[in-house]
Amino acid sequence: MKTIITTPHAPAPIGPYSQAVLKGNMLYTSGQIAIDPKTGNLVTDDIKTETKLVMENLKAILEKAGMGFENVLKSTIFISDMHNFAAINEVYGTYFNEATAPARETVEVANLPKFVNVEISVIASL
């Protein structure tokens, strides 16, 4: 049986999907973009601010599932411009202990939902 994880502290889904699904001790989040859950507004002022909001949205989902970034096993980062990689990585890195950081892939894509610059999802385990 799976449990749907929902929190008002992360953006509501904008389609037929859940913020996250918990199956046993495994959590699978949907990709998060920089939508402010309080206002519903997209925040793309600069890449660092955008990335921080994405990570804060993931943090809210992890916390709702009783987890934190230390529980993340793998992350996937989609970016629209590989030239933003260093700035995204700088912000992303503040959420993890480098010695125990998760596995990760970063992929440049042509477009993302709402034409944002970065989308991140994670898989975590209790």
N, C-alpha and C. Protein backbone atom coordinates (compact mmCIF):
# COMPACT_ATOMS: atom_id res chain seq x y z
N MET A 1 0.84 -1.18 0.00
CA MET A 1 0.00 0.00 0.00
C MET A 1 0.89 1.25 0.00
N LYS A 2 0.49 2.25 -0.74
CA LYS A 2 1.24 3.49 -0.78
C LYS A 2 0.49 4.57 -0.03
N THR A 3 1.26 5.53 0.49
CA THR A 3 0.69 6.66 1.20
C THR A 3 1.04 7.92 0.43
N ILE A 4 0.04 8.73 0.15
CA ILE A 4 0.26 10.01 -0.54
C ILE A 4 0.67 11.04 0.50
N ILE A 5 1.77 11.71 0.23
CA ILE A 5 2.28 12.75 1.13
C ILE A 5 1.88 14.11 0.56
N THR A 6 1.21 14.90 1.38
CA THR A 6 0.76 16.23 0.98
C THR A 6 1.02 17.21 2.10
N THR A 7 1.55 18.37 1.75
CA THR A 7 1.76 19.43 2.73
C THR A 7 1.43 20.77 2.10
N PRO A 8 0.82 21.68 2.87
CA PRO A 8 0.56 23.03 2.35
C PRO A 8 1.83 23.88 2.30
N HIS A 9 2.93 23.35 2.83
CA HIS A 9 4.20 24.08 2.87
C HIS A 9 5.05 23.86 1.62
N ALA A 10 4.47 23.18 0.64
CA ALA A 10 5.08 23.01 -0.68
C ALA A 10 3.96 23.25 -1.69
N PRO A 11 4.31 23.59 -2.93
CA PRO A 11 3.26 23.89 -3.91
C PRO A 11 2.34 22.70 -4.17
N ALA A 12 1.08 23.01 -4.34
CA ALA A 12 0.12 21.98 -4.71
C ALA A 12 0.43 21.50 -6.13
N PRO A 13 0.19 20.25 -6.42
CA PRO A 13 0.42 19.74 -7.78
C PRO A 13 -0.38 20.55 -8.81
N ILE A 14 0.22 20.70 -9.99
CA ILE A 14 -0.46 21.42 -11.07
C ILE A 14 -0.89 20.45 -12.18
N GLY A 15 -1.12 19.22 -11.77
CA GLY A 15 -1.54 18.19 -12.71
C GLY A 15 -1.92 16.93 -11.95
N PRO A 16 -2.11 15.83 -12.65
CA PRO A 16 -2.52 14.58 -12.01
C PRO A 16 -1.34 13.82 -11.39
N TYR A 17 -0.80 14.36 -10.33
CA TYR A 17 0.30 13.73 -9.60
C TYR A 17 0.27 14.19 -8.15
N SER A 18 1.03 13.54 -7.31
CA SER A 18 1.12 13.86 -5.88
C SER A 18 2.44 14.56 -5.59
N GLN A 19 2.50 15.29 -4.49
CA GLN A 19 3.77 15.90 -4.08
C GLN A 19 4.80 14.80 -3.83
N ALA A 20 4.35 13.72 -3.21
CA ALA A 20 5.25 12.58 -2.95
C ALA A 20 4.42 11.35 -2.64
N VAL A 21 5.08 10.20 -2.80
CA VAL A 21 4.47 8.92 -2.47
C VAL A 21 5.43 8.16 -1.56
N LEU A 22 4.89 7.66 -0.45
CA LEU A 22 5.65 6.84 0.49
C LEU A 22 5.20 5.40 0.32
N LYS A 23 6.15 4.52 0.04
CA LYS A 23 5.87 3.09 -0.10
C LYS A 23 6.84 2.37 0.83
N GLY A 24 6.32 1.77 1.88
CA GLY A 24 7.21 1.18 2.88
C GLY A 24 8.03 2.29 3.51
N ASN A 25 9.35 2.15 3.44
CA ASN A 25 10.22 3.19 4.01
C ASN A 25 10.82 4.08 2.92
N MET A 26 10.33 3.96 1.68
CA MET A 26 10.87 4.73 0.55
C MET A 26 9.94 5.87 0.17
N LEU A 27 10.52 7.05 0.01
CA LEU A 27 9.77 8.24 -0.39
C LEU A 27 10.23 8.68 -1.78
N TYR A 28 9.28 8.91 -2.64
CA TYR A 28 9.55 9.38 -3.99
C TYR A 28 8.86 10.72 -4.16
N THR A 29 9.63 11.79 -4.34
CA THR A 29 9.00 13.09 -4.52
C THR A 29 8.81 13.38 -6.00
N SER A 30 7.81 14.16 -6.29
CA SER A 30 7.67 14.71 -7.64
C SER A 30 8.68 15.83 -7.78
N GLY A 31 8.99 16.18 -9.00
CA GLY A 31 9.90 17.28 -9.23
C GLY A 31 9.33 18.57 -8.68
N GLN A 32 10.17 19.31 -8.01
CA GLN A 32 9.74 20.58 -7.43
C GLN A 32 10.35 21.74 -8.22
N ILE A 33 9.53 22.76 -8.42
CA ILE A 33 9.99 23.97 -9.07
C ILE A 33 9.78 25.12 -8.10
N ALA A 34 10.20 26.30 -8.49
CA ALA A 34 10.20 27.45 -7.57
C ALA A 34 8.85 28.16 -7.54
N ILE A 35 7.86 27.45 -7.05
CA ILE A 35 6.56 28.07 -6.78
C ILE A 35 6.49 28.30 -5.28
N ASP A 36 6.20 29.53 -4.90
CA ASP A 36 6.05 29.87 -3.48
C ASP A 36 4.73 29.29 -3.00
N PRO A 37 4.76 28.36 -2.04
CA PRO A 37 3.51 27.73 -1.60
C PRO A 37 2.56 28.69 -0.90
N LYS A 38 3.08 29.80 -0.38
CA LYS A 38 2.21 30.77 0.32
C LYS A 38 1.41 31.61 -0.67
N THR A 39 2.02 31.94 -1.80
CA THR A 39 1.36 32.84 -2.76
C THR A 39 0.95 32.16 -4.05
N GLY A 40 1.56 31.03 -4.36
CA GLY A 40 1.32 30.37 -5.63
C GLY A 40 2.08 31.00 -6.79
N ASN A 41 2.90 32.00 -6.46
CA ASN A 41 3.67 32.71 -7.49
C ASN A 41 4.96 31.97 -7.82
N LEU A 42 5.34 32.05 -9.06
CA LEU A 42 6.61 31.52 -9.54
C LEU A 42 7.70 32.51 -9.17
N VAL A 43 8.82 32.02 -8.64
CA VAL A 43 9.93 32.89 -8.22
C VAL A 43 11.16 32.52 -9.05
N THR A 44 11.45 33.34 -10.04
CA THR A 44 12.60 33.08 -10.91
C THR A 44 13.48 34.33 -11.04
N ASP A 45 13.56 35.11 -9.95
CA ASP A 45 14.33 36.37 -9.95
C ASP A 45 15.79 36.13 -10.33
N ASP A 46 16.39 35.13 -9.69
CA ASP A 46 17.77 34.75 -10.02
C ASP A 46 17.91 33.27 -9.69
N ILE A 47 18.90 32.63 -10.26
CA ILE A 47 19.01 31.17 -10.18
C ILE A 47 19.24 30.68 -8.75
N LYS A 48 19.97 31.43 -7.93
CA LYS A 48 20.19 31.00 -6.55
C LYS A 48 18.90 31.07 -5.73
N THR A 49 18.15 32.13 -5.89
CA THR A 49 16.87 32.27 -5.18
C THR A 49 15.90 31.18 -5.64
N GLU A 50 15.89 30.93 -6.94
CA GLU A 50 15.02 29.90 -7.50
C GLU A 50 15.39 28.52 -6.93
N THR A 51 16.67 28.21 -6.91
CA THR A 51 17.13 26.91 -6.40
C THR A 51 16.81 26.76 -4.92
N LYS A 52 17.00 27.82 -4.15
CA LYS A 52 16.72 27.77 -2.71
C LYS A 52 15.24 27.45 -2.46
N LEU A 53 14.35 28.07 -3.23
CA LEU A 53 12.92 27.79 -3.05
C LEU A 53 12.60 26.34 -3.44
N VAL A 54 13.21 25.85 -4.49
CA VAL A 54 13.03 24.44 -4.87
C VAL A 54 13.44 23.54 -3.71
N MET A 55 14.60 23.81 -3.13
CA MET A 55 15.10 22.99 -2.03
C MET A 55 14.21 23.11 -0.79
N GLU A 56 13.70 24.30 -0.52
CA GLU A 56 12.80 24.49 0.63
C GLU A 56 11.48 23.75 0.40
N ASN A 57 11.01 23.70 -0.83
CA ASN A 57 9.80 22.92 -1.13
C ASN A 57 10.06 21.43 -0.90
N LEU A 58 11.22 20.95 -1.33
CA LEU A 58 11.58 19.55 -1.07
C LEU A 58 11.70 19.30 0.43
N LYS A 59 12.29 20.23 1.16
CA LYS A 59 12.45 20.10 2.61
C LYS A 59 11.09 19.94 3.28
N ALA A 60 10.11 20.73 2.87
CA ALA A 60 8.77 20.65 3.46
C ALA A 60 8.14 19.27 3.22
N ILE A 61 8.33 18.73 2.04
CA ILE A 61 7.79 17.41 1.72
C ILE A 61 8.50 16.33 2.53
N LEU A 62 9.82 16.41 2.58
CA LEU A 62 10.59 15.45 3.38
C LEU A 62 10.13 15.49 4.84
N GLU A 63 9.98 16.68 5.39
CA GLU A 63 9.57 16.82 6.79
C GLU A 63 8.19 16.25 7.02
N LYS A 64 7.27 16.45 6.10
CA LYS A 64 5.92 15.89 6.23
C LYS A 64 5.98 14.37 6.31
N ALA A 65 6.97 13.78 5.63
CA ALA A 65 7.13 12.32 5.64
C ALA A 65 8.00 11.86 6.81
N GLY A 66 8.39 12.77 7.71
CA GLY A 66 9.21 12.41 8.86
C GLY A 66 10.68 12.21 8.51
N MET A 67 11.13 12.89 7.45
CA MET A 67 12.51 12.74 6.99
C MET A 67 13.16 14.11 6.85
N GLY A 68 14.43 14.07 6.47
CA GLY A 68 15.19 15.26 6.18
C GLY A 68 16.15 14.96 5.04
N PHE A 69 16.98 15.93 4.70
CA PHE A 69 17.91 15.72 3.60
C PHE A 69 18.92 14.61 3.88
N GLU A 70 19.14 14.29 5.16
CA GLU A 70 20.05 13.18 5.49
C GLU A 70 19.48 11.84 5.05
N ASN A 71 18.16 11.78 4.77
CA ASN A 71 17.51 10.56 4.32
C ASN A 71 17.52 10.39 2.80
N VAL A 72 17.97 11.41 2.09
CA VAL A 72 17.94 11.37 0.62
C VAL A 72 19.01 10.43 0.10
N LEU A 73 18.58 9.48 -0.73
CA LEU A 73 19.48 8.51 -1.35
C LEU A 73 19.92 8.96 -2.73
N LYS A 74 19.01 9.63 -3.45
CA LYS A 74 19.29 10.01 -4.83
C LYS A 74 18.50 11.26 -5.18
N SER A 75 19.11 12.13 -5.94
CA SER A 75 18.39 13.30 -6.45
C SER A 75 18.59 13.40 -7.95
N THR A 76 17.63 14.03 -8.57
CA THR A 76 17.69 14.30 -10.00
C THR A 76 17.47 15.79 -10.19
N ILE A 77 18.38 16.42 -10.91
CA ILE A 77 18.29 17.85 -11.18
C ILE A 77 18.16 18.04 -12.69
N PHE A 78 17.11 18.74 -13.07
CA PHE A 78 16.92 19.13 -14.46
C PHE A 78 17.14 20.63 -14.54
N ILE A 79 18.00 21.07 -15.45
CA ILE A 79 18.25 22.49 -15.61
C ILE A 79 18.11 22.87 -17.09
N SER A 80 17.69 24.10 -17.31
CA SER A 80 17.47 24.55 -18.68
C SER A 80 18.73 25.12 -19.32
N ASP A 81 19.75 25.39 -18.50
CA ASP A 81 21.00 25.96 -19.03
C ASP A 81 22.16 25.49 -18.16
N MET A 82 23.01 24.68 -18.72
CA MET A 82 24.14 24.12 -17.97
C MET A 82 25.07 25.21 -17.44
N HIS A 83 25.00 26.41 -17.99
CA HIS A 83 25.80 27.52 -17.46
C HIS A 83 25.39 27.90 -16.04
N ASN A 84 24.18 27.49 -15.62
CA ASN A 84 23.71 27.75 -14.26
C ASN A 84 24.13 26.68 -13.26
N PHE A 85 24.81 25.65 -13.73
CA PHE A 85 25.15 24.50 -12.88
C PHE A 85 25.89 24.92 -11.61
N ALA A 86 26.92 25.74 -11.71
CA ALA A 86 27.73 26.11 -10.54
C ALA A 86 26.89 26.80 -9.48
N ALA A 87 26.02 27.72 -9.89
CA ALA A 87 25.18 28.44 -8.93
C ALA A 87 24.16 27.50 -8.29
N ILE A 88 23.56 26.63 -9.09
CA ILE A 88 22.60 25.66 -8.56
C ILE A 88 23.31 24.72 -7.58
N ASN A 89 24.45 24.23 -7.96
CA ASN A 89 25.22 23.31 -7.13
C ASN A 89 25.63 23.95 -5.81
N GLU A 90 25.97 25.23 -5.85
CA GLU A 90 26.36 25.95 -4.63
C GLU A 90 25.21 25.96 -3.61
N VAL A 91 24.01 26.29 -4.07
CA VAL A 91 22.84 26.31 -3.18
C VAL A 91 22.47 24.89 -2.76
N TYR A 92 22.39 23.98 -3.70
CA TYR A 92 22.05 22.58 -3.45
C TYR A 92 22.98 22.00 -2.38
N GLY A 93 24.27 22.29 -2.49
CA GLY A 93 25.26 21.76 -1.56
C GLY A 93 25.08 22.18 -0.12
N THR A 94 24.40 23.30 0.12
CA THR A 94 24.19 23.75 1.50
C THR A 94 23.17 22.89 2.24
N TYR A 95 22.45 22.05 1.53
CA TYR A 95 21.42 21.20 2.13
C TYR A 95 21.93 19.80 2.48
N PHE A 96 23.15 19.50 2.09
CA PHE A 96 23.69 18.16 2.31
C PHE A 96 25.06 18.21 2.97
N ASN A 97 25.38 17.15 3.70
CA ASN A 97 26.72 16.93 4.22
C ASN A 97 27.49 16.28 3.07
N GLU A 98 28.56 16.90 2.63
CA GLU A 98 29.28 16.40 1.47
C GLU A 98 29.75 14.95 1.63
N ALA A 99 30.10 14.57 2.85
CA ALA A 99 30.60 13.21 3.09
C ALA A 99 29.52 12.15 2.92
N THR A 100 28.25 12.54 3.08
CA THR A 100 27.15 11.57 2.98
C THR A 100 26.11 12.00 1.95
N ALA A 101 26.52 12.84 1.02
CA ALA A 101 25.59 13.35 0.00
C ALA A 101 25.03 12.20 -0.84
N PRO A 102 23.82 12.39 -1.36
CA PRO A 102 23.19 11.32 -2.15
C PRO A 102 23.81 11.17 -3.53
N ALA A 103 23.47 10.09 -4.19
CA ALA A 103 23.78 9.94 -5.60
C ALA A 103 22.96 10.99 -6.35
N ARG A 104 23.44 11.38 -7.54
CA ARG A 104 22.74 12.45 -8.25
C ARG A 104 23.06 12.41 -9.73
N GLU A 105 22.09 12.86 -10.52
CA GLU A 105 22.39 13.18 -11.91
C GLU A 105 21.85 14.57 -12.17
N THR A 106 22.51 15.27 -13.06
CA THR A 106 22.08 16.60 -13.48
C THR A 106 21.99 16.58 -15.00
N VAL A 107 20.83 16.97 -15.51
CA VAL A 107 20.58 16.88 -16.93
C VAL A 107 20.10 18.23 -17.45
N GLU A 108 20.70 18.69 -18.54
CA GLU A 108 20.20 19.89 -19.20
C GLU A 108 19.08 19.47 -20.14
N VAL A 109 17.98 20.23 -20.08
CA VAL A 109 16.81 19.94 -20.90
C VAL A 109 16.40 21.19 -21.68
N ALA A 110 15.60 21.00 -22.72
CA ALA A 110 15.18 22.12 -23.56
C ALA A 110 14.21 23.04 -22.82
N ASN A 111 13.26 22.46 -22.10
CA ASN A 111 12.26 23.24 -21.36
C ASN A 111 11.83 22.47 -20.12
N LEU A 112 11.33 23.23 -19.16
CA LEU A 112 10.78 22.66 -17.93
C LEU A 112 9.38 23.25 -17.71
N PRO A 113 8.58 22.64 -16.81
CA PRO A 113 7.24 23.19 -16.55
C PRO A 113 7.30 24.68 -16.21
N LYS A 114 6.39 25.42 -16.77
CA LYS A 114 6.29 26.87 -16.57
C LYS A 114 7.56 27.60 -16.99
N PHE A 115 8.40 26.92 -17.77
CA PHE A 115 9.65 27.48 -18.30
C PHE A 115 10.59 27.95 -17.19
N VAL A 116 10.61 27.20 -16.07
CA VAL A 116 11.54 27.50 -14.98
C VAL A 116 12.94 27.10 -15.40
N ASN A 117 13.91 27.44 -14.56
CA ASN A 117 15.31 27.16 -14.85
C ASN A 117 15.82 25.89 -14.20
N VAL A 118 15.13 25.41 -13.15
CA VAL A 118 15.59 24.23 -12.42
C VAL A 118 14.40 23.49 -11.82
N GLU A 119 14.48 22.16 -11.86
CA GLU A 119 13.51 21.27 -11.23
C GLU A 119 14.29 20.15 -10.57
N ILE A 120 13.93 19.82 -9.33
CA ILE A 120 14.66 18.79 -8.59
C ILE A 120 13.66 17.82 -7.94
N SER A 121 14.00 16.52 -8.02
CA SER A 121 13.22 15.51 -7.29
C SER A 121 14.21 14.67 -6.49
N VAL A 122 13.69 13.98 -5.47
CA VAL A 122 14.55 13.13 -4.65
C VAL A 122 13.85 11.81 -4.34
N ILE A 123 14.67 10.82 -4.03
CA ILE A 123 14.23 9.56 -3.47
C ILE A 123 14.89 9.45 -2.10
N ALA A 124 14.09 9.17 -1.08
CA ALA A 124 14.62 9.11 0.28
C ALA A 124 14.12 7.86 0.98
N SER A 125 14.79 7.52 2.07
CA SER A 125 14.44 6.32 2.81
C SER A 125 14.60 6.58 4.31
N LEU A 126 13.69 6.01 5.08
CA LEU A 126 13.79 6.10 6.55
C LEU A 126 14.92 5.22 7.04
